[in-house]
Structures are given as structure tokens and as C-alpha cells.
Amino acid sequence: MFVVAVMAIVASPAQARLTCRSHARFHDGSIKVLTRYGKADDQQWFLCSASFGRPKLFLDEGASTIDLEPHFKRFGNRVGYAWLWSSNPNGGWEMGWVDVRTAFSPAVSVSFNNVKDSLGIKGFAVGARGDMAYLEGVGSNAKHPRGAERIGYVPVRGKGLANPRTVVRFRAPRVRPGSLFLSPTAITWTTRSGAPGSTKVPGAP
């Protein structure tokens, strides 16, 4: 199940005390993802799981940065996430995952200054190796008046994630966001009409 967490921006949440009983942005069994704003108006993300009886910080976005429209989905011992980020006057999207056993969390971030037609991440999948596939919305233009989509791939690099790369382009919105699946050799999906699709993972044999 792909979960979209609706976030309400509260005027002064910086000093809010979190516990594992606090309201969660994502909840799956004993696993919870929570957030608050730090003293520098920095969005902070925390994990609660069987390994952590208290909220464990896994990501701090930095001063004056907030995250909007977060999405979460669990893949075994990893919880994947994607959201829009805003740090006036800049913005973009970010995607990654957090290990529920260790709170280790690699992520990749894209600025709308560099990818001007992007509308952000609509769906994603985390592979067994920690690599990721994603469905990105593309804004409308003269060639694509209804907008478009592209599927991308993020390989593992060392202990982190490498830069995202586009592998498939669609001239109109076609893919069911929750249908993405990533195996060691292929990215697969289902279109809105129910047709299956697939492409080879870059570098796979």
C-alpha cells in the first residue's frame, strides 16, 4: 500500500516533544515515522520500531527547509519515502529509505532549478539491494498538453544512493503509481488500462 501523509504546518512546532506514542506520518505494525520542526525551522524525521523504544532521528533537512506531500511505503526492513522539499526560494523532490533495524537512511535530492519540468515523485519501489525505481510526474507543455511521466532508476553507490537517471518516458500519464516493482534485473509496472510494462535495470546482465 502506498501511503500519502497529509501534513498540516503548525505555527510553532519546533519544541514539540516526540515519543513513540506521538502522531505518526506513517504506521505499519510497530514501525512509525514521525516528524517535527527543529530550532532552525528544519524538518526532522524520526523512526520508531522494535529496535528503538524512543524516536530515533534519521534525517534532518537543514535550516529553513520543510517537506511537503510525503509518501511512504514499506519494503521488508526498509520504509521508502518521497516528498517535495521547499527552502525559499528553492524547491525540489527527495527520495530515499530508512532501515527499520538501524535507522540508516540514504537519500537523493533533485532541485527544480535543474529539472524544471518535474512535478515530483508519484510512486517508487525499493529493491533488495537498496536501489530504487520511481515514477515522476512531468508538467504539461506544447508537446504534452496533458502532462507526461517518466520512470527512473537510482542505483546504490557505496553506502548511499547515486544520481537518478531516466529509463522510460511516457507522452501522457499512463502508469499506476503503486504498481512499480524493482527486481535485480527489471523494473516492472502496470498501466492504468491494466497492461503490464517492464524495462531492464541499467547495468543488469
Protein backbone atom coordinates (compact mmCIF):
# COMPACT_ATOMS: atom_id res chain seq x y z
CA MET A 1 0.00 0.00 0.00
CA PHE A 2 1.31 3.44 -0.99
CA VAL A 3 0.58 5.95 1.75
CA VAL A 4 0.31 9.70 1.26
CA ALA A 5 0.60 11.56 4.54
CA VAL A 6 -1.20 14.88 4.66
CA MET A 7 0.85 17.34 6.68
CA ALA A 8 -0.51 20.38 8.46
CA ILE A 9 2.02 23.17 9.01
CA VAL A 10 1.77 24.27 12.62
CA ALA A 11 2.92 27.73 13.63
CA SER A 12 5.43 26.76 16.36
CA PRO A 13 6.10 23.02 16.49
CA ALA A 14 9.86 23.35 16.99
CA GLN A 15 9.85 22.42 20.67
CA ALA A 16 7.32 19.61 20.38
CA ARG A 17 8.40 16.57 22.38
CA LEU A 18 8.13 13.31 20.50
CA THR A 19 7.52 9.86 21.87
CA CYS A 20 6.69 6.64 20.06
CA ARG A 21 3.07 7.32 21.04
CA SER A 22 3.04 10.63 19.16
CA HIS A 23 1.04 11.03 15.97
CA ALA A 24 2.79 9.16 13.15
CA ARG A 25 3.00 10.21 9.50
CA PHE A 26 3.38 6.50 8.65
CA HIS A 27 2.40 3.50 10.76
CA ASP A 28 2.86 -0.19 9.93
CA GLY A 29 2.71 -2.53 12.93
CA SER A 30 5.43 -1.49 15.38
CA ILE A 31 7.01 0.80 12.81
CA LYS A 32 6.25 4.51 12.92
CA VAL A 33 7.68 7.51 11.11
CA LEU A 34 7.27 10.83 12.91
CA THR A 35 8.30 14.40 12.18
CA ARG A 36 8.75 17.77 13.83
CA TYR A 37 10.48 21.09 13.16
CA GLY A 38 13.79 21.84 14.87
CA LYS A 39 15.01 25.13 16.28
CA ALA A 40 16.34 26.21 12.88
CA ASP A 41 12.94 25.60 11.20
CA ASP A 42 14.46 22.39 9.88
CA GLN A 43 12.22 19.41 9.20
CA GLN A 44 13.36 16.40 11.23
CA TRP A 45 12.28 12.79 10.65
CA PHE A 46 12.26 10.08 13.31
CA LEU A 47 11.80 6.31 13.38
CA CYS A 48 10.18 4.09 15.99
CA SER A 49 10.44 0.32 15.58
CA ALA A 50 11.16 -2.85 17.58
CA SER A 51 14.80 -1.69 17.63
CA PHE A 52 14.04 1.78 19.05
CA GLY A 53 11.84 2.41 22.05
CA ARG A 54 12.32 6.15 21.61
CA PRO A 55 12.13 8.15 18.38
CA LYS A 56 15.43 7.84 16.51
CA LEU A 57 16.42 10.75 14.28
CA PHE A 58 17.24 9.51 10.78
CA LEU A 59 17.08 12.69 8.69
CA ASP A 60 17.43 16.42 9.33
CA GLU A 61 16.68 18.56 6.30
CA GLY A 62 18.72 21.58 7.36
CA ALA A 63 17.84 25.17 8.24
CA SER A 64 14.61 26.66 6.90
CA THR A 65 13.69 23.54 4.91
CA ILE A 66 10.27 21.90 5.05
CA ASP A 67 8.91 18.80 3.34
CA LEU A 68 5.50 18.63 1.68
CA GLU A 69 3.24 15.83 0.43
CA PRO A 70 5.29 12.95 1.87
CA HIS A 71 4.71 9.41 0.60
CA PHE A 72 5.73 6.22 2.41
CA LYS A 73 5.75 2.52 1.56
CA ARG A 74 7.29 -0.42 3.38
CA PHE A 75 9.55 -2.91 1.64
CA GLY A 76 10.55 -5.57 4.18
CA ASN A 77 13.05 -3.99 6.59
CA ARG A 78 13.05 -0.69 4.71
CA VAL A 79 10.48 2.11 4.61
CA GLY A 80 10.74 4.08 1.42
CA TYR A 81 9.83 7.76 1.33
CA ALA A 82 9.48 10.60 -1.17
CA TRP A 83 8.36 14.20 -0.80
CA LEU A 84 8.65 17.71 -2.13
CA TRP A 85 11.08 19.97 -0.30
CA SER A 86 10.97 23.73 -0.02
CA SER A 87 13.68 26.13 1.09
CA ASN A 88 12.63 29.57 -0.12
CA PRO A 89 13.15 30.41 -2.94
CA ASN A 90 14.27 26.91 -3.98
CA GLY A 91 12.47 23.59 -4.11
CA GLY A 92 12.61 20.10 -5.49
CA TRP A 93 11.96 16.47 -4.59
CA GLU A 94 13.75 14.00 -2.37
CA MET A 95 13.54 10.24 -2.17
CA GLY A 96 15.18 7.55 -0.04
CA TRP A 97 14.57 4.85 2.53
CA VAL A 98 15.21 4.13 6.20
CA ASP A 99 16.26 0.76 7.62
CA VAL A 100 13.87 -0.09 10.47
CA ARG A 101 16.60 -2.04 12.30
CA THR A 102 19.36 0.59 12.25
CA ALA A 103 17.73 3.91 11.18
CA PHE A 104 20.34 4.16 8.39
CA SER A 105 18.80 6.33 5.68
CA PRO A 106 20.37 7.15 2.30
CA ALA A 107 18.55 9.66 0.12
CA VAL A 108 18.81 11.50 -3.18
CA SER A 109 17.59 15.04 -3.82
CA VAL A 110 16.71 16.87 -7.06
CA SER A 111 16.26 20.63 -7.47
CA PHE A 112 13.53 22.05 -9.69
CA ASN A 113 16.18 24.55 -10.81
CA ASN A 114 17.88 21.67 -12.61
CA VAL A 115 14.82 19.66 -13.67
CA LYS A 116 12.35 22.40 -14.50
CA ASP A 117 9.55 20.21 -15.88
CA SER A 118 9.33 17.89 -12.87
CA LEU A 119 6.18 17.69 -10.76
CA GLY A 120 7.73 15.39 -8.17
CA ILE A 121 7.55 11.68 -7.37
CA LYS A 122 4.23 9.86 -7.88
CA GLY A 123 5.37 6.37 -6.90
CA PHE A 124 8.50 4.39 -6.06
CA ALA A 125 9.90 0.96 -5.27
CA VAL A 126 12.89 -0.16 -3.20
CA GLY A 127 14.91 -3.16 -4.39
CA ALA A 128 16.52 -5.87 -2.31
CA ARG A 129 19.93 -4.19 -2.71
CA GLY A 130 18.62 -0.78 -1.62
CA ASP A 131 18.40 0.63 -5.13
CA MET A 132 15.22 2.45 -6.12
CA ALA A 133 12.87 2.93 -9.06
CA TYR A 134 10.46 5.85 -9.29
CA LEU A 135 7.61 7.34 -11.30
CA GLU A 136 7.99 11.09 -11.85
CA GLY A 137 5.29 13.47 -12.99
CA VAL A 138 6.15 15.88 -15.81
CA GLY A 139 4.45 19.22 -16.40
CA SER A 140 2.32 19.94 -19.46
CA ASN A 141 3.76 21.72 -22.48
CA ALA A 142 3.03 22.16 -26.19
CA LYS A 143 4.09 18.58 -26.98
CA HIS A 144 2.35 17.07 -23.96
CA PRO A 145 -0.73 19.17 -23.14
CA ARG A 146 -1.96 16.57 -20.61
CA GLY A 147 1.41 16.28 -18.95
CA ALA A 148 3.72 13.29 -19.09
CA GLU A 149 5.55 10.77 -16.92
CA ARG A 150 8.94 9.15 -16.72
CA ILE A 151 10.29 6.16 -14.86
CA GLY A 152 13.72 6.49 -13.35
CA TYR A 153 16.30 4.39 -11.55
CA VAL A 154 18.60 5.20 -8.60
CA PRO A 155 21.48 2.75 -8.13
CA VAL A 156 23.35 2.11 -4.92
CA ARG A 157 26.74 3.81 -4.64
CA GLY A 158 28.85 2.74 -1.67
CA LYS A 159 26.62 3.06 1.37
CA GLY A 160 24.44 5.68 -0.28
CA LEU A 161 22.46 6.31 -3.46
CA ALA A 162 23.81 7.56 -6.80
CA ASN A 163 22.21 10.18 -9.01
CA PRO A 164 18.81 9.34 -10.52
CA ARG A 165 18.58 8.51 -14.20
CA THR A 166 15.56 8.35 -16.52
CA VAL A 167 14.99 4.96 -18.17
CA VAL A 168 11.48 5.22 -19.72
CA ARG A 169 9.43 8.21 -20.92
CA PHE A 170 5.67 8.39 -21.45
CA ARG A 171 3.99 11.09 -23.53
CA ALA A 172 0.96 11.14 -21.21
CA PRO A 173 0.18 9.94 -17.66
CA ARG A 174 -0.17 6.15 -18.02
CA VAL A 175 1.28 4.30 -15.03
CA ARG A 176 -0.42 3.24 -11.82
CA PRO A 177 1.90 4.76 -9.18
CA GLY A 178 1.56 1.87 -6.73
CA SER A 179 2.37 -0.78 -9.32
CA LEU A 180 6.13 -0.16 -9.59
CA PHE A 181 8.27 -3.17 -8.66
CA LEU A 182 12.05 -3.44 -8.72
CA SER A 183 13.89 -6.75 -9.06
CA PRO A 184 17.67 -7.14 -9.51
CA THR A 185 17.23 -7.18 -13.29
CA ALA A 186 13.99 -5.35 -14.17
CA ILE A 187 11.62 -2.51 -13.31
CA THR A 188 8.01 -3.50 -13.89
CA TRP A 189 4.73 -1.60 -13.73
CA THR A 190 1.07 -1.70 -14.76
CA THR A 191 -0.64 0.96 -16.84
CA ARG A 192 -3.99 2.49 -15.93
CA SER A 193 -5.60 0.24 -18.55
CA GLY A 194 -4.14 -2.84 -16.85
CA ALA A 195 -1.38 -3.57 -19.35
CA PRO A 196 1.97 -4.74 -17.91
CA GLY A 197 5.23 -2.95 -18.70
CA SER A 198 8.88 -3.55 -17.96
CA THR A 199 12.38 -2.34 -18.68
CA LYS A 200 15.82 -3.67 -17.86
CA VAL A 201 17.64 -2.29 -14.83
CA PRO A 202 20.63 -0.29 -16.16
CA GLY A 203 23.77 -2.41 -15.91
CA ALA A 204 21.91 -5.65 -15.19
CA PRO A 205 23.04 -8.75 -17.10
